[in-house]
C-alpha atoms as a PDB file:
ATOM      1  CA  UNK A   1       0.120  -0.081  -0.428  1.00  0.00           C
ATOM      2  CA  UNK A   2       2.805   2.013   0.991  1.00  0.00           C
ATOM      3  CA  UNK A   3       4.389   1.634  -2.323  1.00  0.00           C
ATOM      4  CA  UNK A   4       0.653   2.799  -4.312  1.00  0.00           C
ATOM      5  CA  UNK A   5       1.006   5.719  -2.313  1.00  0.00           C
ATOM      6  CA  UNK A   6       4.538   6.364  -3.351  1.00  0.00           C
ATOM      7  CA  UNK A   7       3.731   5.741  -6.746  1.00  0.00           C
ATOM      8  CA  UNK A   8       0.847   8.341  -6.480  1.00  0.00           C
ATOM      9  CA  UNK A   9       2.373  10.494  -4.838  1.00  0.00           C
ATOM     10  CA  UNK A  10       5.491  10.707  -7.528  1.00  0.00           C
ATOM     11  CA  UNK A  11       2.873  10.807 -10.471  1.00  0.00           C
ATOM     12  CA  UNK A  12       0.850  13.889  -9.110  1.00  0.00           C
ATOM     13  CA  UNK A  13       4.836  15.704  -8.538  1.00  0.00           C
ATOM     14  CA  UNK A  14       5.661  14.237 -11.986  1.00  0.00           C
ATOM     15  CA  UNK A  15       2.122  15.637 -13.753  1.00  0.00           C
ATOM     16  CA  UNK A  16       2.533  19.235 -11.465  1.00  0.00           C
ATOM     17  CA  UNK A  17       6.142  19.482 -12.740  1.00  0.00           C
ATOM     18  CA  UNK A  18       4.449  18.834 -16.707  1.00  0.00           C
ATOM     19  CA  UNK A  19       1.980  21.712 -16.292  1.00  0.00           C
ATOM     20  CA  UNK A  20       4.457  24.463 -14.776  1.00  0.00           C
ATOM     21  CA  UNK A  21       6.598  23.660 -17.285  1.00  0.00           C
ATOM     22  CA  UNK A  22       4.234  23.488 -20.036  1.00  0.00           C
ATOM     23  CA  UNK A  23       2.203  27.070 -18.308  1.00  0.00           C
ATOM     24  CA  UNK A  24       6.061  28.602 -18.537  1.00  0.00           C
ATOM     25  CA  UNK A  25       6.522  27.427 -21.928  1.00  0.00           C
ATOM     26  CA  UNK A  26       2.784  28.792 -22.757  1.00  0.00           C
ATOM     27  CA  UNK A  27       4.143  31.864 -20.568  1.00  0.00           C
ATOM     28  CA  UNK A  28       7.604  32.326 -23.219  1.00  0.00           C
ATOM     29  CA  UNK A  29       5.894  31.798 -26.029  1.00  0.00           C
ATOM     30  CA  UNK A  30       3.052  34.209 -25.883  1.00  0.00           C
ATOM     31  CA  UNK A  31       5.876  36.855 -24.496  1.00  0.00           C
ATOM     32  CA  UNK A  32       8.179  36.412 -27.627  1.00  0.00           C
ATOM     33  CA  UNK A  33       5.171  36.482 -29.763  1.00  0.00           C
ATOM     34  CA  UNK A  34       4.052  39.880 -27.626  1.00  0.00           C
ATOM     35  CA  UNK A  35       7.302  41.604 -27.834  1.00  0.00           C
ATOM     36  CA  UNK A  36       7.568  40.388 -31.702  1.00  0.00           C
ATOM     37  CA  UNK A  37       4.204  42.288 -32.092  1.00  0.00           C
ATOM     38  CA  UNK A  38       5.342  45.091 -30.314  1.00  0.00           C
ATOM     39  CA  UNK A  39       8.874  45.606 -32.467  1.00  0.00           C
ATOM     40  CA  UNK A  40       6.608  45.365 -35.236  1.00  0.00           C
ATOM     41  CA  UNK A  41       4.435  48.308 -34.608  1.00  0.00           C
ATOM     42  CA  UNK A  42       7.379  50.146 -33.570  1.00  0.00           C
ATOM     43  CA  UNK A  43       8.945  49.485 -36.336  1.00  0.00           C
ATOM     44  CA  UNK A  44       5.949  50.371 -38.100  1.00  0.00           C
ATOM     45  CA  UNK A  45       5.084  53.742 -36.160  1.00  0.00           C
ATOM     46  CA  UNK A  46       8.629  54.702 -37.142  1.00  0.00           C
ATOM     47  CA  UNK A  47       8.253  54.184 -40.675  1.00  0.00           C
ATOM     48  CA  UNK A  48       5.413  56.067 -40.561  1.00  0.00           C
ATOM     49  CA  UNK A  49       7.187  58.886 -39.084  1.00  0.00           C
ATOM     50  CA  UNK A  50       9.961  59.167 -40.907  1.00  0.00           C
ATOM     51  CA  UNK A  51       7.509  59.287 -43.944  1.00  0.00           C
ATOM     52  CA  UNK A  52       4.684  61.700 -42.847  1.00  0.00           C
ATOM     53  CA  UNK A  53       8.755  63.512 -42.136  1.00  0.00           C
ATOM     54  CA  UNK A  54       9.667  62.993 -45.837  1.00  0.00           C
ATOM     55  CA  UNK A  55       6.103  64.487 -46.790  1.00  0.00           C
ATOM     56  CA  UNK A  56       6.447  67.466 -44.912  1.00  0.00           C
ATOM     57  CA  UNK A  57       9.750  68.548 -46.448  1.00  0.00           C
ATOM     58  CA  UNK A  58       8.422  67.911 -49.539  1.00  0.00           C
ATOM     59  CA  UNK A  59       5.606  69.875 -48.831  1.00  0.00           C
ATOM     60  CA  UNK A  60       7.597  72.354 -47.267  1.00  0.00           C
ATOM     61  CA  UNK A  61       9.896  72.683 -50.416  1.00  0.00           C
ATOM     62  CA  UNK A  62       6.497  72.914 -52.338  1.00  0.00           C
ATOM     63  CA  UNK A  63       5.671  75.700 -51.169  1.00  0.00           C
ATOM     64  CA  UNK A  64       8.828  77.808 -51.238  1.00  0.00           C
ATOM     65  CA  UNK A  65       8.461  76.989 -54.249  1.00  0.00           C
ATOM     66  CA  UNK A  66       5.770  78.911 -55.136  1.00  0.00           C
ATOM     67  CA  UNK A  67       6.354  81.696 -53.095  1.00  0.00           C
ATOM     68  CA  UNK A  68       9.145  82.405 -55.350  1.00  0.00           C
ATOM     69  CA  UNK A  69       7.460  81.887 -58.552  1.00  0.00           C
ATOM     70  CA  UNK A  70       4.296  83.898 -57.025  1.00  0.00           C
ATOM     71  CA  UNK A  71       7.073  86.875 -56.114  1.00  0.00           C
ATOM     72  CA  UNK A  72       8.398  86.744 -59.627  1.00  0.00           C
ATOM     73  CA  UNK A  73       5.351  86.526 -61.300  1.00  0.00           C
ATOM     74  CA  UNK A  74       4.567  90.078 -59.594  1.00  0.00           C
ATOM     75  CA  UNK A  75       8.217  91.479 -60.162  1.00  0.00           C
ATOM     76  CA  UNK A  76       7.500  90.756 -63.785  1.00  0.00           C
ATOM     77  CA  UNK A  77       3.643  92.241 -63.901  1.00  0.00           C
ATOM     78  CA  UNK A  78       5.378  95.472 -62.056  1.00  0.00           C
ATOM     79  CA  UNK A  79       8.518  95.874 -64.717  1.00  0.00           C
END
C-alpha cells in the first residue's frame, strides 16, 4: 500500500512539474509573440513617422517654390 501511495505521489509530482513547465513554456511563447508584435508595431510607427517627415519636407519645398514663383510673377507684372 505504501508503494502505491509513493507511486501516486510520484505521479502527481511529475504531473505538477509537467503542468508548470507547460505553463512556463506557454507564457514564454506568448511573451516572445508579444515582444515581436511590439517590435513590429514600433518599426511601423517609425516608418510612418519618417514618411510623414519626408512628406512634410517635400510639401515645404513645394510651398517655398510656389511662393518664389509667385513673387517672380508679381515682379514681372510690376515691370
